[in-house]
């Protein structure tokens, strides 16, 4: 009886091993922080960001000064001049918001610079990870830097087509 249990246990253990998937975990933030190219790109981005923020701050100070002047002179202005100054303040405020959006908004100047400077470095890291995954026959590589994210998965494990067939979608 002990022999039968031992044989069944051995078959069970080896069976699980045959179906086990090989995976690895990497920390891309740690990897990028160790790369001199990335540090240099990050430094350049910080310089652009500082320069653009100074530009925005200067315009904000000017706008604040205009508001204070308007508040002080408002009682002395005719309705026509008051309306003209309010319109000018509104236009300047809109220009400032547009500049902020242009510099720091989604797909703004900072985003574009980051794409130019950082994305090639990230692609280099991704390609190295993919090469390691293929060479060492990993099924998955997970990135732990910003929550767990799959950055490589063996295409033979993708069951999307099976799901589409099950749903009757061609």
C-alpha atoms as a PDB file:
ATOM      1  CA  UNK A   1       0.000   0.000   0.000  1.00  0.00           C
ATOM      2  CA  UNK A   2       2.853   2.386   0.806  1.00  0.00           C
ATOM      3  CA  UNK A   3       4.425   1.675  -2.593  1.00  0.00           C
ATOM      4  CA  UNK A   4       1.203   2.547  -4.411  1.00  0.00           C
ATOM      5  CA  UNK A   5       0.852   5.824  -2.491  1.00  0.00           C
ATOM      6  CA  UNK A   6       4.501   6.641  -3.160  1.00  0.00           C
ATOM      7  CA  UNK A   7       4.070   5.963  -6.902  1.00  0.00           C
ATOM      8  CA  UNK A   8       0.858   8.052  -7.054  1.00  0.00           C
ATOM      9  CA  UNK A   9       2.519  10.863  -5.132  1.00  0.00           C
ATOM     10  CA  UNK A  10       5.537  10.790  -7.492  1.00  0.00           C
ATOM     11  CA  UNK A  11       3.293  10.870 -10.561  1.00  0.00           C
ATOM     12  CA  UNK A  12       1.349  13.781  -9.070  1.00  0.00           C
ATOM     13  CA  UNK A  13       4.501  15.804  -8.310  1.00  0.00           C
ATOM     14  CA  UNK A  14       6.056  15.198 -11.734  1.00  0.00           C
ATOM     15  CA  UNK A  15       2.724  15.925 -13.421  1.00  0.00           C
ATOM     16  CA  UNK A  16       2.498  19.303 -11.763  1.00  0.00           C
ATOM     17  CA  UNK A  17       6.077  20.059 -12.753  1.00  0.00           C
ATOM     18  CA  UNK A  18       5.299  19.305 -16.384  1.00  0.00           C
ATOM     19  CA  UNK A  19       2.459  21.839 -16.428  1.00  0.00           C
ATOM     20  CA  UNK A  20       4.226  24.472 -14.346  1.00  0.00           C
ATOM     21  CA  UNK A  21       4.964  27.703 -16.091  1.00  0.00           C
ATOM     22  CA  UNK A  22       8.283  29.401 -15.815  1.00  0.00           C
ATOM     23  CA  UNK A  23       8.187  33.027 -14.849  1.00  0.00           C
ATOM     24  CA  UNK A  24      10.477  35.773 -13.638  1.00  0.00           C
ATOM     25  CA  UNK A  25      10.041  39.133 -11.982  1.00  0.00           C
ATOM     26  CA  UNK A  26      11.938  42.299 -12.869  1.00  0.00           C
ATOM     27  CA  UNK A  27      11.854  45.861 -11.553  1.00  0.00           C
ATOM     28  CA  UNK A  28      12.085  48.153 -14.569  1.00  0.00           C
ATOM     29  CA  UNK A  29      12.253  51.274 -12.397  1.00  0.00           C
ATOM     30  CA  UNK A  30      15.320  49.871 -10.636  1.00  0.00           C
ATOM     31  CA  UNK A  31      16.854  48.903 -13.998  1.00  0.00           C
ATOM     32  CA  UNK A  32      16.194  52.328 -15.517  1.00  0.00           C
ATOM     33  CA  UNK A  33      17.553  54.136 -12.447  1.00  0.00           C
ATOM     34  CA  UNK A  34      20.843  52.249 -12.895  1.00  0.00           C
ATOM     35  CA  UNK A  35      21.194  53.297 -16.551  1.00  0.00           C
ATOM     36  CA  UNK A  36      23.290  56.451 -17.222  1.00  0.00           C
ATOM     37  CA  UNK A  37      21.312  57.168 -20.425  1.00  0.00           C
ATOM     38  CA  UNK A  38      18.075  57.243 -18.456  1.00  0.00           C
ATOM     39  CA  UNK A  39      19.532  59.515 -15.773  1.00  0.00           C
ATOM     40  CA  UNK A  40      20.723  61.936 -18.459  1.00  0.00           C
ATOM     41  CA  UNK A  41      17.335  61.894 -20.203  1.00  0.00           C
ATOM     42  CA  UNK A  42      15.587  62.470 -16.880  1.00  0.00           C
ATOM     43  CA  UNK A  43      17.910  65.406 -16.143  1.00  0.00           C
ATOM     44  CA  UNK A  44      17.076  66.969 -19.526  1.00  0.00           C
ATOM     45  CA  UNK A  45      13.353  66.502 -18.899  1.00  0.00           C
ATOM     46  CA  UNK A  46      13.702  68.179 -15.499  1.00  0.00           C
ATOM     47  CA  UNK A  47      15.482  71.127 -17.128  1.00  0.00           C
ATOM     48  CA  UNK A  48      12.725  71.534 -19.735  1.00  0.00           C
ATOM     49  CA  UNK A  49      10.104  71.234 -17.032  1.00  0.00           C
ATOM     50  CA  UNK A  50      11.780  73.882 -14.853  1.00  0.00           C
ATOM     51  CA  UNK A  51      12.175  76.260 -17.781  1.00  0.00           C
ATOM     52  CA  UNK A  52       8.531  75.885 -18.810  1.00  0.00           C
ATOM     53  CA  UNK A  53       7.313  76.206 -15.237  1.00  0.00           C
ATOM     54  CA  UNK A  54       9.260  79.487 -14.861  1.00  0.00           C
ATOM     55  CA  UNK A  55       7.625  80.748 -18.055  1.00  0.00           C
ATOM     56  CA  UNK A  56       4.188  79.892 -16.678  1.00  0.00           C
ATOM     57  CA  UNK A  57       4.978  81.374 -13.253  1.00  0.00           C
ATOM     58  CA  UNK A  58       6.098  84.637 -14.879  1.00  0.00           C
ATOM     59  CA  UNK A  59       2.854  84.871 -16.822  1.00  0.00           C
ATOM     60  CA  UNK A  60       0.872  84.033 -13.667  1.00  0.00           C
ATOM     61  CA  UNK A  61       2.595  86.849 -11.728  1.00  0.00           C
ATOM     62  CA  UNK A  62       1.804  89.253 -14.567  1.00  0.00           C
ATOM     63  CA  UNK A  63      -1.824  88.121 -14.593  1.00  0.00           C
ATOM     64  CA  UNK A  64      -2.083  88.536 -10.805  1.00  0.00           C
ATOM     65  CA  UNK A  65      -0.659  92.045 -11.116  1.00  0.00           C
ATOM     66  CA  UNK A  66      -3.237  92.868 -13.795  1.00  0.00           C
ATOM     67  CA  UNK A  67      -6.044  91.588 -11.543  1.00  0.00           C
ATOM     68  CA  UNK A  68      -4.830  93.710  -8.615  1.00  0.00           C
ATOM     69  CA  UNK A  69      -4.603  96.801 -10.804  1.00  0.00           C
ATOM     70  CA  UNK A  70      -8.071  96.139 -12.142  1.00  0.00           C
ATOM     71  CA  UNK A  71      -9.469  95.709  -8.613  1.00  0.00           C
ATOM     72  CA  UNK A  72      -7.869  98.990  -7.529  1.00  0.00           C
ATOM     73  CA  UNK A  73      -9.015 100.968 -10.585  1.00  0.00           C
ATOM     74  CA  UNK A  74     -12.391  99.316 -11.073  1.00  0.00           C
ATOM     75  CA  UNK A  75     -14.422 102.041  -9.330  1.00  0.00           C
ATOM     76  CA  UNK A  76     -12.799 104.751 -11.475  1.00  0.00           C
ATOM     77  CA  UNK A  77     -13.395 103.024 -14.820  1.00  0.00           C
ATOM     78  CA  UNK A  78     -16.377 103.556 -17.074  1.00  0.00           C
ATOM     79  CA  UNK A  79     -18.532 100.531 -17.887  1.00  0.00           C
ATOM     80  CA  UNK A  80     -16.995 100.378 -21.354  1.00  0.00           C
ATOM     81  CA  UNK A  81     -13.387 100.409 -20.039  1.00  0.00           C
ATOM     82  CA  UNK A  82     -14.314  97.967 -17.269  1.00  0.00           C
ATOM     83  CA  UNK A  83     -15.704  95.528 -19.846  1.00  0.00           C
ATOM     84  CA  UNK A  84     -12.612  95.957 -22.016  1.00  0.00           C
ATOM     85  CA  UNK A  85     -10.267  95.229 -19.094  1.00  0.00           C
ATOM     86  CA  UNK A  86     -12.349  92.220 -17.999  1.00  0.00           C
ATOM     87  CA  UNK A  87     -12.164  90.850 -21.535  1.00  0.00           C
ATOM     88  CA  UNK A  88      -8.391  91.398 -21.592  1.00  0.00           C
ATOM     89  CA  UNK A  89      -8.042  89.590 -18.246  1.00  0.00           C
ATOM     90  CA  UNK A  90     -10.183  86.738 -19.530  1.00  0.00           C
ATOM     91  CA  UNK A  91      -8.033  86.419 -22.689  1.00  0.00           C
ATOM     92  CA  UNK A  92      -4.792  86.445 -20.654  1.00  0.00           C
ATOM     93  CA  UNK A  93      -6.156  83.820 -18.259  1.00  0.00           C
ATOM     94  CA  UNK A  94      -7.171  81.624 -21.183  1.00  0.00           C
ATOM     95  CA  UNK A  95      -3.716  82.053 -22.759  1.00  0.00           C
ATOM     96  CA  UNK A  96      -2.120  80.962 -19.474  1.00  0.00           C
ATOM     97  CA  UNK A  97      -4.317  77.849 -19.246  1.00  0.00           C
ATOM     98  CA  UNK A  98      -3.574  77.024 -22.882  1.00  0.00           C
ATOM     99  CA  UNK A  99       0.162  77.399 -22.247  1.00  0.00           C
ATOM    100  CA  UNK A 100      -0.040  75.089 -19.225  1.00  0.00           C
ATOM    101  CA  UNK A 101      -1.907  72.526 -21.300  1.00  0.00           C
ATOM    102  CA  UNK A 102       0.560  72.913 -24.193  1.00  0.00           C
ATOM    103  CA  UNK A 103       3.557  72.379 -21.915  1.00  0.00           C
ATOM    104  CA  UNK A 104       2.326  69.857 -19.354  1.00  0.00           C
ATOM    105  CA  UNK A 105      -0.987  68.490 -20.653  1.00  0.00           C
ATOM    106  CA  UNK A 106      -1.730  65.128 -22.187  1.00  0.00           C
ATOM    107  CA  UNK A 107       0.415  64.894 -25.331  1.00  0.00           C
ATOM    108  CA  UNK A 108       1.937  68.282 -24.470  1.00  0.00           C
ATOM    109  CA  UNK A 109       5.553  69.337 -24.908  1.00  0.00           C
ATOM    110  CA  UNK A 110       6.764  67.454 -21.825  1.00  0.00           C
ATOM    111  CA  UNK A 111       5.014  64.275 -22.982  1.00  0.00           C
ATOM    112  CA  UNK A 112       6.576  64.600 -26.439  1.00  0.00           C
ATOM    113  CA  UNK A 113      10.041  65.226 -25.006  1.00  0.00           C
ATOM    114  CA  UNK A 114       9.642  62.203 -22.732  1.00  0.00           C
ATOM    115  CA  UNK A 115       8.720  60.126 -25.786  1.00  0.00           C
ATOM    116  CA  UNK A 116      11.810  61.387 -27.624  1.00  0.00           C
ATOM    117  CA  UNK A 117      14.243  60.953 -24.743  1.00  0.00           C
ATOM    118  CA  UNK A 118      12.972  58.102 -22.554  1.00  0.00           C
ATOM    119  CA  UNK A 119      11.038  55.788 -24.857  1.00  0.00           C
ATOM    120  CA  UNK A 120      14.127  54.566 -26.794  1.00  0.00           C
ATOM    121  CA  UNK A 121      15.760  53.657 -23.477  1.00  0.00           C
ATOM    122  CA  UNK A 122      12.617  51.868 -22.292  1.00  0.00           C
ATOM    123  CA  UNK A 123      12.483  50.006 -25.615  1.00  0.00           C
ATOM    124  CA  UNK A 124      16.099  48.918 -25.132  1.00  0.00           C
ATOM    125  CA  UNK A 125      15.214  47.521 -21.680  1.00  0.00           C
ATOM    126  CA  UNK A 126      12.110  45.808 -23.038  1.00  0.00           C
ATOM    127  CA  UNK A 127      14.113  44.196 -25.862  1.00  0.00           C
ATOM    128  CA  UNK A 128      16.710  42.923 -23.377  1.00  0.00           C
ATOM    129  CA  UNK A 129      13.945  41.458 -21.206  1.00  0.00           C
ATOM    130  CA  UNK A 130      12.352  39.814 -24.232  1.00  0.00           C
ATOM    131  CA  UNK A 131      15.697  38.349 -25.296  1.00  0.00           C
ATOM    132  CA  UNK A 132      16.265  36.908 -21.814  1.00  0.00           C
ATOM    133  CA  UNK A 133      12.720  35.506 -21.786  1.00  0.00           C
ATOM    134  CA  UNK A 134      13.198  33.720 -25.086  1.00  0.00           C
ATOM    135  CA  UNK A 135      16.713  32.460 -24.304  1.00  0.00           C
ATOM    136  CA  UNK A 136      15.792  31.154 -20.855  1.00  0.00           C
ATOM    137  CA  UNK A 137      12.366  29.923 -21.984  1.00  0.00           C
ATOM    138  CA  UNK A 138      10.283  31.983 -19.564  1.00  0.00           C
ATOM    139  CA  UNK A 139       6.545  31.948 -20.149  1.00  0.00           C
ATOM    140  CA  UNK A 140       5.952  35.202 -18.270  1.00  0.00           C
ATOM    141  CA  UNK A 141       8.020  38.092 -17.029  1.00  0.00           C
ATOM    142  CA  UNK A 142       6.304  40.354 -14.545  1.00  0.00           C
ATOM    143  CA  UNK A 143       7.302  43.926 -13.742  1.00  0.00           C
ATOM    144  CA  UNK A 144       6.965  44.830 -10.073  1.00  0.00           C
ATOM    145  CA  UNK A 145       7.959  48.494 -10.339  1.00  0.00           C
ATOM    146  CA  UNK A 146       4.462  49.990 -10.547  1.00  0.00           C
ATOM    147  CA  UNK A 147       2.178  47.181  -9.488  1.00  0.00           C
ATOM    148  CA  UNK A 148       2.451  43.790 -11.096  1.00  0.00           C
ATOM    149  CA  UNK A 149       2.366  44.082 -14.881  1.00  0.00           C
ATOM    150  CA  UNK A 150       3.080  41.426 -17.477  1.00  0.00           C
ATOM    151  CA  UNK A 151       5.768  42.795 -19.779  1.00  0.00           C
ATOM    152  CA  UNK A 152       6.427  39.550 -21.612  1.00  0.00           C
ATOM    153  CA  UNK A 153       4.174  36.587 -22.229  1.00  0.00           C
ATOM    154  CA  UNK A 154       4.952  33.649 -24.473  1.00  0.00           C
ATOM    155  CA  UNK A 155       2.602  33.983 -27.473  1.00  0.00           C
ATOM    156  CA  UNK A 156       1.886  30.250 -27.441  1.00  0.00           C
ATOM    157  CA  UNK A 157       0.032  30.781 -24.130  1.00  0.00           C
ATOM    158  CA  UNK A 158      -2.348  33.366 -25.599  1.00  0.00           C
ATOM    159  CA  UNK A 159      -5.864  31.925 -25.712  1.00  0.00           C
ATOM    160  CA  UNK A 160      -7.602  34.950 -27.238  1.00  0.00           C
ATOM    161  CA  UNK A 161      -8.435  33.108 -30.462  1.00  0.00           C
ATOM    162  CA  UNK A 162      -9.991  30.238 -28.464  1.00  0.00           C
ATOM    163  CA  UNK A 163     -12.228  32.719 -26.646  1.00  0.00           C
ATOM    164  CA  UNK A 164     -13.244  34.339 -29.934  1.00  0.00           C
ATOM    165  CA  UNK A 165     -14.102  30.916 -31.391  1.00  0.00           C
ATOM    166  CA  UNK A 166     -16.115  30.087 -28.261  1.00  0.00           C
ATOM    167  CA  UNK A 167     -18.013  33.360 -28.709  1.00  0.00           C
ATOM    168  CA  UNK A 168     -18.571  32.623 -32.379  1.00  0.00           C
ATOM    169  CA  UNK A 169     -16.594  35.660 -33.503  1.00  0.00           C
ATOM    170  CA  UNK A 170     -14.393  35.296 -36.563  1.00  0.00           C
END
